N, C-alpha and C. Protein backbone atom coordinates (compact mmCIF):
# COMPACT_ATOMS: atom_id res chain seq x y z
N MET A 1 0.86 -1.15 -0.05
CA MET A 1 0.00 0.00 0.00
C MET A 1 0.91 1.24 0.00
N GLN A 2 0.54 2.19 -0.75
CA GLN A 2 1.24 3.46 -0.91
C GLN A 2 0.45 4.56 -0.13
N PHE A 3 1.14 5.28 0.73
CA PHE A 3 0.48 6.36 1.48
C PHE A 3 0.93 7.65 0.87
N GLN A 4 -0.03 8.56 0.62
CA GLN A 4 0.28 9.87 0.04
C GLN A 4 0.52 10.88 1.13
N THR A 5 -0.11 10.76 2.26
CA THR A 5 0.03 11.76 3.34
C THR A 5 0.11 11.03 4.69
N ILE A 6 0.54 11.82 5.66
CA ILE A 6 0.55 11.31 7.04
C ILE A 6 -0.84 10.99 7.48
N SER A 7 -1.80 11.86 7.06
CA SER A 7 -3.20 11.58 7.44
C SER A 7 -3.66 10.23 6.91
N ASP A 8 -3.17 9.85 5.74
CA ASP A 8 -3.59 8.54 5.17
C ASP A 8 -3.13 7.43 6.07
N ILE A 9 -1.87 7.52 6.63
CA ILE A 9 -1.38 6.53 7.55
C ILE A 9 -2.27 6.42 8.77
N TYR A 10 -2.53 7.62 9.36
CA TYR A 10 -3.37 7.63 10.55
C TYR A 10 -4.78 7.03 10.29
N GLU A 11 -5.36 7.39 9.14
CA GLU A 11 -6.70 6.88 8.83
C GLU A 11 -6.69 5.38 8.71
N ILE A 12 -5.70 4.80 8.03
CA ILE A 12 -5.62 3.35 7.89
C ILE A 12 -5.38 2.71 9.28
N ASN A 13 -4.45 3.27 10.06
CA ASN A 13 -4.15 2.69 11.38
C ASN A 13 -5.43 2.74 12.23
N ASP A 14 -6.25 3.79 12.21
CA ASP A 14 -7.47 3.87 12.96
C ASP A 14 -8.41 2.78 12.54
N ARG A 15 -8.52 2.58 11.24
CA ARG A 15 -9.46 1.54 10.76
C ARG A 15 -9.05 0.16 11.17
N VAL A 16 -7.73 -0.12 11.10
CA VAL A 16 -7.20 -1.42 11.60
C VAL A 16 -7.48 -1.58 13.05
N ARG A 17 -7.27 -0.53 13.87
CA ARG A 17 -7.50 -0.65 15.30
C ARG A 17 -8.95 -0.93 15.59
N ALA A 18 -9.88 -0.26 14.91
CA ALA A 18 -11.29 -0.45 15.10
C ALA A 18 -11.68 -1.87 14.69
N LYS A 19 -11.17 -2.37 13.60
CA LYS A 19 -11.47 -3.76 13.15
C LYS A 19 -10.90 -4.79 14.16
N LEU A 20 -9.69 -4.52 14.64
CA LEU A 20 -9.11 -5.46 15.61
C LEU A 20 -9.98 -5.49 16.85
N ARG A 21 -10.40 -4.33 17.35
CA ARG A 21 -11.24 -4.28 18.55
C ARG A 21 -12.57 -4.95 18.33
N SER A 22 -13.21 -4.72 17.20
CA SER A 22 -14.53 -5.33 17.00
C SER A 22 -14.40 -6.85 16.83
N THR A 23 -13.33 -7.27 16.21
CA THR A 23 -13.10 -8.72 16.02
C THR A 23 -12.91 -9.41 17.40
N VAL A 24 -12.04 -8.85 18.18
CA VAL A 24 -11.80 -9.40 19.52
C VAL A 24 -13.01 -9.35 20.43
N GLU A 25 -13.73 -8.22 20.43
CA GLU A 25 -14.88 -8.08 21.32
C GLU A 25 -16.03 -8.98 20.94
N SER A 26 -16.01 -9.48 19.70
CA SER A 26 -17.07 -10.40 19.28
C SER A 26 -16.82 -11.86 19.73
N LEU A 27 -15.70 -12.13 20.35
CA LEU A 27 -15.32 -13.43 20.70
C LEU A 27 -15.76 -13.80 22.14
N THR A 28 -16.04 -15.03 22.40
CA THR A 28 -16.40 -15.45 23.75
C THR A 28 -15.09 -15.65 24.57
N ASP A 29 -15.25 -15.76 25.87
CA ASP A 29 -14.05 -16.03 26.77
C ASP A 29 -13.41 -17.33 26.36
N GLU A 30 -14.19 -18.31 26.02
CA GLU A 30 -13.59 -19.62 25.57
C GLU A 30 -12.75 -19.42 24.30
N GLN A 31 -13.24 -18.69 23.40
CA GLN A 31 -12.52 -18.40 22.18
C GLN A 31 -11.23 -17.61 22.42
N LEU A 32 -11.34 -16.69 23.35
CA LEU A 32 -10.13 -15.81 23.67
C LEU A 32 -9.05 -16.66 24.38
N ASP A 33 -9.50 -17.67 25.15
CA ASP A 33 -8.52 -18.47 25.93
C ASP A 33 -8.09 -19.73 25.28
N ALA A 34 -8.75 -20.17 24.24
CA ALA A 34 -8.38 -21.43 23.58
C ALA A 34 -7.01 -21.38 22.92
N LEU A 35 -6.33 -22.50 22.97
CA LEU A 35 -5.04 -22.61 22.33
C LEU A 35 -5.17 -23.68 21.19
N PRO A 36 -5.44 -23.19 19.95
CA PRO A 36 -5.70 -24.13 18.82
C PRO A 36 -4.40 -24.87 18.50
N ASP A 37 -4.61 -26.04 17.87
CA ASP A 37 -3.48 -26.82 17.42
C ASP A 37 -2.61 -25.99 16.49
N GLY A 38 -1.33 -26.11 16.66
CA GLY A 38 -0.34 -25.42 15.81
C GLY A 38 -0.09 -23.98 16.20
N GLU A 39 -0.74 -23.50 17.25
CA GLU A 39 -0.53 -22.07 17.70
C GLU A 39 0.21 -22.10 19.01
N LYS A 40 1.07 -21.11 19.22
CA LYS A 40 1.76 -20.96 20.51
C LYS A 40 1.00 -20.14 21.51
N TRP A 41 0.12 -19.20 20.94
CA TRP A 41 -0.62 -18.27 21.75
C TRP A 41 -2.07 -18.34 21.52
N SER A 42 -2.83 -18.09 22.56
CA SER A 42 -4.27 -17.91 22.42
C SER A 42 -4.55 -16.55 21.85
N VAL A 43 -5.80 -16.31 21.48
CA VAL A 43 -6.21 -14.97 20.98
C VAL A 43 -5.92 -13.93 22.03
N GLY A 44 -6.23 -14.21 23.29
CA GLY A 44 -5.99 -13.27 24.38
C GLY A 44 -4.50 -12.96 24.48
N GLN A 45 -3.66 -13.93 24.33
CA GLN A 45 -2.21 -13.69 24.39
C GLN A 45 -1.70 -12.94 23.17
N VAL A 46 -2.34 -13.15 22.03
CA VAL A 46 -1.98 -12.36 20.81
C VAL A 46 -2.28 -10.86 21.03
N VAL A 47 -3.40 -10.63 21.65
CA VAL A 47 -3.87 -9.25 21.90
C VAL A 47 -2.90 -8.59 22.90
N GLU A 48 -2.51 -9.38 23.91
CA GLU A 48 -1.54 -8.82 24.88
C GLU A 48 -0.24 -8.46 24.18
N HIS A 49 0.24 -9.35 23.32
CA HIS A 49 1.45 -9.14 22.54
C HIS A 49 1.34 -7.85 21.68
N VAL A 50 0.22 -7.74 21.00
CA VAL A 50 -0.02 -6.56 20.12
C VAL A 50 0.04 -5.25 20.96
N SER A 51 -0.55 -5.31 22.17
CA SER A 51 -0.49 -4.09 23.00
C SER A 51 0.91 -3.79 23.47
N MET A 52 1.72 -4.86 23.81
CA MET A 52 3.11 -4.64 24.21
C MET A 52 3.88 -4.03 23.12
N VAL A 53 3.78 -4.56 21.93
CA VAL A 53 4.47 -4.04 20.75
C VAL A 53 4.10 -2.59 20.45
N ALA A 54 2.77 -2.36 20.53
CA ALA A 54 2.27 -1.02 20.19
C ALA A 54 2.91 0.05 21.08
N GLY A 55 3.04 -0.28 22.39
CA GLY A 55 3.69 0.69 23.27
C GLY A 55 5.13 1.02 22.89
N GLY A 56 5.87 -0.04 22.49
CA GLY A 56 7.21 0.19 21.99
C GLY A 56 7.26 0.98 20.71
N LEU A 57 6.34 0.66 19.81
CA LEU A 57 6.29 1.42 18.55
C LEU A 57 6.01 2.92 18.83
N GLN A 58 5.08 3.17 19.75
CA GLN A 58 4.80 4.60 20.02
C GLN A 58 6.02 5.33 20.54
N ARG A 59 6.81 4.65 21.43
CA ARG A 59 8.00 5.30 21.97
C ARG A 59 9.05 5.56 20.88
N ILE A 60 9.19 4.59 19.96
CA ILE A 60 10.13 4.75 18.86
C ILE A 60 9.72 5.93 17.96
N CYS A 61 8.41 5.96 17.59
CA CYS A 61 7.90 6.99 16.76
C CYS A 61 8.15 8.37 17.43
N ALA A 62 7.85 8.49 18.75
CA ALA A 62 8.00 9.78 19.43
C ALA A 62 9.49 10.18 19.44
N LYS A 63 10.36 9.20 19.64
CA LYS A 63 11.79 9.50 19.71
C LYS A 63 12.29 9.98 18.33
N LEU A 64 11.93 9.30 17.23
CA LEU A 64 12.39 9.65 15.99
C LEU A 64 11.83 11.05 15.53
N ILE A 65 10.56 11.26 15.73
CA ILE A 65 10.02 12.48 15.25
C ILE A 65 10.48 13.67 16.10
N ALA A 66 10.76 13.40 17.41
CA ALA A 66 11.33 14.50 18.25
C ALA A 66 12.74 14.86 17.82
N LYS A 67 13.44 13.81 17.35
CA LYS A 67 14.82 14.07 16.84
C LYS A 67 14.76 14.94 15.59
N ALA A 68 13.83 14.74 14.70
CA ALA A 68 13.65 15.55 13.50
C ALA A 68 13.25 17.00 13.94
N GLU A 69 12.37 17.06 14.92
CA GLU A 69 11.99 18.42 15.39
C GLU A 69 13.17 19.16 16.03
N ALA A 70 13.97 18.50 16.83
CA ALA A 70 15.15 19.10 17.44
C ALA A 70 16.13 19.57 16.38
N ALA A 71 16.27 18.85 15.26
CA ALA A 71 17.19 19.21 14.19
C ALA A 71 16.56 20.30 13.28
N GLY A 72 15.27 20.56 13.43
CA GLY A 72 14.54 21.54 12.57
C GLY A 72 14.38 21.00 11.16
N SER A 73 14.31 19.64 11.02
CA SER A 73 14.14 19.02 9.71
C SER A 73 12.70 19.04 9.32
N LEU A 74 12.32 20.02 8.47
CA LEU A 74 10.95 20.16 8.10
C LEU A 74 10.57 19.13 7.00
N SER A 75 9.27 18.72 7.02
CA SER A 75 8.79 17.77 6.07
C SER A 75 8.56 18.39 4.70
N ASP A 76 8.89 17.63 3.66
CA ASP A 76 8.52 18.10 2.32
C ASP A 76 7.21 17.39 1.84
N GLY A 77 6.61 16.63 2.72
CA GLY A 77 5.36 15.97 2.44
C GLY A 77 5.52 14.57 1.84
N LYS A 78 6.73 14.25 1.47
CA LYS A 78 7.01 12.88 0.90
C LYS A 78 7.12 11.86 1.99
N ILE A 79 6.60 10.66 1.70
CA ILE A 79 6.75 9.53 2.60
C ILE A 79 7.54 8.46 2.00
N ASP A 80 8.81 8.35 2.55
CA ASP A 80 9.71 7.29 2.04
C ASP A 80 9.49 6.06 2.83
N MET A 81 8.95 5.02 2.14
CA MET A 81 8.73 3.72 2.77
C MET A 81 9.45 2.64 2.03
N SER A 82 10.57 3.02 1.40
CA SER A 82 11.28 2.10 0.53
C SER A 82 11.89 0.92 1.33
N THR A 83 12.40 1.15 2.55
CA THR A 83 13.03 0.07 3.29
C THR A 83 11.90 -0.91 3.72
N LEU A 84 10.82 -0.43 4.27
CA LEU A 84 9.76 -1.25 4.77
C LEU A 84 9.13 -2.01 3.55
N ALA A 85 8.93 -1.34 2.46
CA ALA A 85 8.32 -1.99 1.25
C ALA A 85 9.23 -3.08 0.71
N ALA A 86 10.51 -2.83 0.70
CA ALA A 86 11.49 -3.78 0.16
C ALA A 86 11.61 -5.04 0.98
N ARG A 87 11.47 -4.86 2.34
CA ARG A 87 11.77 -5.99 3.22
C ARG A 87 10.52 -6.67 3.78
N SER A 88 9.35 -6.11 3.59
CA SER A 88 8.16 -6.68 4.22
C SER A 88 7.26 -7.39 3.21
N GLY A 89 7.69 -7.39 1.98
CA GLY A 89 6.79 -8.02 0.93
C GLY A 89 6.29 -9.40 1.22
N ASP A 90 7.11 -10.27 1.72
CA ASP A 90 6.73 -11.65 1.96
C ASP A 90 6.52 -11.91 3.49
N ALA A 91 6.46 -10.87 4.31
CA ALA A 91 6.41 -11.08 5.77
C ALA A 91 5.05 -11.74 6.13
N ASP A 92 4.01 -11.52 5.44
CA ASP A 92 2.74 -12.10 5.77
C ASP A 92 2.76 -13.61 5.60
N ALA A 93 3.54 -14.09 4.67
CA ALA A 93 3.61 -15.50 4.40
C ALA A 93 4.55 -16.22 5.37
N GLN A 94 5.38 -15.46 6.11
CA GLN A 94 6.34 -16.02 7.05
C GLN A 94 5.78 -16.03 8.45
N LYS A 95 6.21 -17.05 9.23
CA LYS A 95 5.88 -17.08 10.66
C LYS A 95 7.09 -16.47 11.37
N LEU A 96 6.95 -15.22 11.78
CA LEU A 96 8.03 -14.51 12.43
C LEU A 96 7.99 -14.74 13.93
N GLU A 97 9.11 -14.89 14.55
CA GLU A 97 9.19 -15.14 15.97
C GLU A 97 9.42 -13.85 16.69
N ALA A 98 8.51 -13.45 17.56
CA ALA A 98 8.60 -12.24 18.31
C ALA A 98 9.74 -12.29 19.31
N PRO A 99 10.45 -11.23 19.54
CA PRO A 99 11.50 -11.22 20.54
C PRO A 99 10.92 -11.52 21.92
N GLU A 100 11.72 -12.15 22.77
CA GLU A 100 11.20 -12.63 24.07
C GLU A 100 10.56 -11.47 24.91
N PHE A 101 11.13 -10.26 24.79
CA PHE A 101 10.61 -9.19 25.64
C PHE A 101 9.19 -8.73 25.24
N VAL A 102 8.69 -9.21 24.11
CA VAL A 102 7.26 -8.89 23.79
C VAL A 102 6.42 -10.09 23.71
N HIS A 103 6.85 -11.19 24.38
CA HIS A 103 5.99 -12.37 24.51
C HIS A 103 5.01 -12.09 25.58
N PRO A 104 3.75 -12.51 25.40
CA PRO A 104 2.72 -12.31 26.40
C PRO A 104 3.07 -13.00 27.70
N THR A 105 2.62 -12.33 28.76
CA THR A 105 2.91 -12.88 30.14
C THR A 105 1.68 -13.54 30.72
N GLY A 106 0.52 -13.23 30.19
CA GLY A 106 -0.72 -13.70 30.76
C GLY A 106 -1.18 -12.79 31.89
N GLY A 107 -0.44 -11.72 32.09
CA GLY A 107 -0.75 -10.84 33.22
C GLY A 107 -1.77 -9.74 32.95
N LYS A 108 -2.29 -9.70 31.73
CA LYS A 108 -3.28 -8.70 31.35
C LYS A 108 -4.52 -9.36 30.74
N THR A 109 -5.67 -8.84 31.09
CA THR A 109 -6.87 -9.29 30.50
C THR A 109 -6.97 -8.72 29.03
N VAL A 110 -7.84 -9.29 28.29
CA VAL A 110 -8.03 -8.75 26.93
C VAL A 110 -8.52 -7.29 27.03
N ALA A 111 -9.39 -7.03 27.96
CA ALA A 111 -9.91 -5.63 28.12
C ALA A 111 -8.74 -4.70 28.47
N GLU A 112 -7.84 -5.12 29.34
CA GLU A 112 -6.71 -4.28 29.66
C GLU A 112 -5.77 -4.05 28.50
N SER A 113 -5.59 -5.08 27.71
CA SER A 113 -4.77 -4.94 26.53
C SER A 113 -5.40 -3.99 25.48
N LEU A 114 -6.71 -4.14 25.32
CA LEU A 114 -7.39 -3.21 24.38
C LEU A 114 -7.35 -1.76 24.90
N ASP A 115 -7.46 -1.57 26.23
CA ASP A 115 -7.36 -0.25 26.81
C ASP A 115 -6.01 0.34 26.53
N LEU A 116 -4.95 -0.50 26.68
CA LEU A 116 -3.58 -0.06 26.43
C LEU A 116 -3.43 0.33 24.91
N LEU A 117 -4.01 -0.45 24.05
CA LEU A 117 -4.03 -0.08 22.60
C LEU A 117 -4.70 1.25 22.41
N ASP A 118 -5.79 1.52 23.06
CA ASP A 118 -6.40 2.84 22.95
C ASP A 118 -5.51 3.99 23.49
N GLU A 119 -4.80 3.77 24.53
CA GLU A 119 -3.84 4.75 25.08
C GLU A 119 -2.73 5.04 24.06
N VAL A 120 -2.23 3.93 23.48
CA VAL A 120 -1.18 4.08 22.44
C VAL A 120 -1.75 4.91 21.25
N SER A 121 -2.97 4.61 20.87
CA SER A 121 -3.55 5.31 19.75
C SER A 121 -3.66 6.79 19.99
N ILE A 122 -4.03 7.15 21.23
CA ILE A 122 -4.09 8.56 21.65
C ILE A 122 -2.73 9.17 21.60
N GLY A 123 -1.72 8.47 22.10
CA GLY A 123 -0.36 8.98 22.09
C GLY A 123 0.18 9.21 20.72
N LEU A 124 -0.12 8.28 19.79
CA LEU A 124 0.33 8.42 18.41
C LEU A 124 -0.44 9.58 17.76
N ARG A 125 -1.72 9.69 18.07
CA ARG A 125 -2.53 10.79 17.48
C ARG A 125 -1.96 12.17 17.89
N GLN A 126 -1.43 12.22 19.16
CA GLN A 126 -0.80 13.45 19.62
C GLN A 126 0.47 13.84 18.84
N LEU A 127 1.07 12.78 18.22
CA LEU A 127 2.25 13.09 17.46
C LEU A 127 1.95 13.55 16.01
N GLN A 128 0.72 13.41 15.59
CA GLN A 128 0.39 13.77 14.18
C GLN A 128 0.82 15.14 13.77
N PRO A 129 0.61 16.23 14.59
CA PRO A 129 1.06 17.53 14.12
C PRO A 129 2.54 17.58 13.86
N LEU A 130 3.33 16.85 14.70
CA LEU A 130 4.77 16.80 14.51
C LEU A 130 5.13 16.05 13.24
N TYR A 131 4.42 14.92 13.01
CA TYR A 131 4.65 14.16 11.80
C TYR A 131 4.37 14.97 10.52
N GLU A 132 3.37 15.86 10.62
CA GLU A 132 2.98 16.65 9.46
C GLU A 132 3.97 17.84 9.28
N LYS A 133 4.63 18.28 10.30
CA LYS A 133 5.51 19.42 10.20
C LYS A 133 6.95 19.03 9.99
N TYR A 134 7.38 17.94 10.65
CA TYR A 134 8.79 17.58 10.61
C TYR A 134 9.02 16.32 9.72
N ASP A 135 10.26 16.16 9.28
CA ASP A 135 10.58 15.11 8.29
C ASP A 135 10.68 13.74 9.00
N GLY A 136 9.67 12.93 8.78
CA GLY A 136 9.65 11.60 9.34
C GLY A 136 10.59 10.67 8.59
N ASN A 137 11.19 11.11 7.54
CA ASN A 137 12.14 10.27 6.80
C ASN A 137 13.58 10.47 7.27
N ALA A 138 13.80 11.52 8.12
CA ALA A 138 15.15 11.94 8.45
C ALA A 138 15.94 11.02 9.33
N ASN A 139 15.32 10.32 10.24
CA ASN A 139 16.07 9.51 11.25
C ASN A 139 15.56 8.07 11.22
N LYS A 140 16.45 7.16 11.55
CA LYS A 140 16.06 5.74 11.54
C LYS A 140 16.39 5.01 12.80
N PHE A 141 15.65 3.93 13.03
CA PHE A 141 15.86 3.04 14.19
C PHE A 141 15.70 1.63 13.67
N PRO A 142 16.57 0.72 14.17
CA PRO A 142 16.54 -0.60 13.58
C PRO A 142 15.35 -1.46 14.08
N HIS A 143 14.77 -2.20 13.19
CA HIS A 143 13.76 -3.20 13.49
C HIS A 143 14.39 -4.54 13.37
N PRO A 144 14.08 -5.52 14.23
CA PRO A 144 14.75 -6.81 14.16
C PRO A 144 14.62 -7.63 12.85
N TYR A 145 13.54 -7.39 12.11
CA TYR A 145 13.39 -8.12 10.87
C TYR A 145 13.51 -7.21 9.64
N PHE A 146 13.14 -5.98 9.73
CA PHE A 146 13.06 -5.12 8.54
C PHE A 146 14.22 -4.16 8.40
N GLY A 147 15.10 -4.16 9.36
CA GLY A 147 16.24 -3.27 9.29
C GLY A 147 15.94 -1.85 9.75
N ASP A 148 16.76 -0.92 9.33
CA ASP A 148 16.61 0.46 9.72
C ASP A 148 15.44 1.14 9.09
N LEU A 149 14.45 1.51 9.92
CA LEU A 149 13.24 2.15 9.44
C LEU A 149 13.15 3.61 9.91
N ASN A 150 12.55 4.43 9.08
CA ASN A 150 12.39 5.89 9.48
C ASN A 150 11.07 6.01 10.29
N ALA A 151 10.87 7.16 10.82
CA ALA A 151 9.71 7.41 11.65
C ALA A 151 8.39 7.12 10.93
N ASN A 152 8.32 7.51 9.62
CA ASN A 152 7.09 7.23 8.86
C ASN A 152 6.88 5.71 8.72
N GLU A 153 7.93 5.03 8.49
CA GLU A 153 7.78 3.53 8.36
C GLU A 153 7.39 2.94 9.65
N TRP A 154 7.93 3.39 10.76
CA TRP A 154 7.49 2.86 12.08
C TRP A 154 6.02 3.15 12.30
N LEU A 155 5.50 4.34 11.87
CA LEU A 155 4.11 4.63 12.03
C LEU A 155 3.24 3.73 11.18
N ILE A 156 3.71 3.43 9.96
CA ILE A 156 3.00 2.49 9.10
C ILE A 156 3.01 1.11 9.72
N LEU A 157 4.17 0.77 10.26
CA LEU A 157 4.30 -0.58 10.90
C LEU A 157 3.35 -0.75 12.09
N ALA A 158 3.02 0.33 12.80
CA ALA A 158 2.16 0.23 13.93
C ALA A 158 0.79 -0.34 13.47
N GLY A 159 0.24 0.12 12.37
CA GLY A 159 -1.01 -0.42 11.87
C GLY A 159 -0.76 -1.77 11.20
N GLY A 160 0.36 -1.91 10.53
CA GLY A 160 0.65 -3.19 9.85
C GLY A 160 0.80 -4.37 10.81
N HIS A 161 1.40 -4.13 11.96
CA HIS A 161 1.58 -5.18 12.97
C HIS A 161 0.19 -5.57 13.48
N GLU A 162 -0.67 -4.57 13.80
CA GLU A 162 -2.02 -4.96 14.26
C GLU A 162 -2.81 -5.68 13.21
N ALA A 163 -2.66 -5.27 11.90
CA ALA A 163 -3.42 -5.90 10.80
C ALA A 163 -2.95 -7.36 10.67
N ARG A 164 -1.65 -7.58 10.78
CA ARG A 164 -1.12 -8.94 10.71
C ARG A 164 -1.71 -9.85 11.73
N HIS A 165 -1.71 -9.37 12.96
CA HIS A 165 -2.22 -10.20 14.03
C HIS A 165 -3.83 -10.31 14.05
N MET A 166 -4.45 -9.28 13.49
CA MET A 166 -5.91 -9.37 13.32
C MET A 166 -6.22 -10.53 12.36
N ARG A 167 -5.48 -10.66 11.29
CA ARG A 167 -5.67 -11.76 10.35
C ARG A 167 -5.38 -13.13 11.07
N GLN A 168 -4.33 -13.11 11.92
CA GLN A 168 -4.06 -14.31 12.71
C GLN A 168 -5.21 -14.65 13.60
N ILE A 169 -5.73 -13.69 14.28
CA ILE A 169 -6.88 -13.95 15.17
C ILE A 169 -8.07 -14.46 14.39
N GLN A 170 -8.30 -13.89 13.22
CA GLN A 170 -9.44 -14.41 12.37
C GLN A 170 -9.21 -15.86 11.99
N ARG A 171 -8.00 -16.22 11.68
CA ARG A 171 -7.71 -17.63 11.36
C ARG A 171 -7.93 -18.49 12.52
N ILE A 172 -7.48 -18.10 13.71
CA ILE A 172 -7.61 -18.88 14.93
C ILE A 172 -9.08 -19.11 15.23
């Protein structure tokens, strides 16, 4: 998917978040807790993982866009997603292993995880004016699978990660 504006990224991320929430909220407790054959995590654990990752993504986005602001790097409106596009093409077909520090602990309910996702969404939304003013392509931070991503790519990845796991939840 090609994004023309920062608003496009936020709009898609909001739609993904709403779809994830509605999908999860439509499930019974038994469905949330079941561990299907061939899966390492239940739906509830997947949602906890998504919320853990989302918090980290928000912190990375904030750090990168603050760095552009501090440098006075103004946006030209272009969104460079070449690294993410080049390296994520077949990611949906792969079973990626999450780093240990974002494995679910079972310490959060699904409702708590969804509340955390809402908090992250608010935090990311507060960054939107900075994303629109400053160059989100200027600074990079390494992702364990996709390499060095810029702030715009990390913002895109926030929705992409949730979309990936929403599809996993639907399969489960």
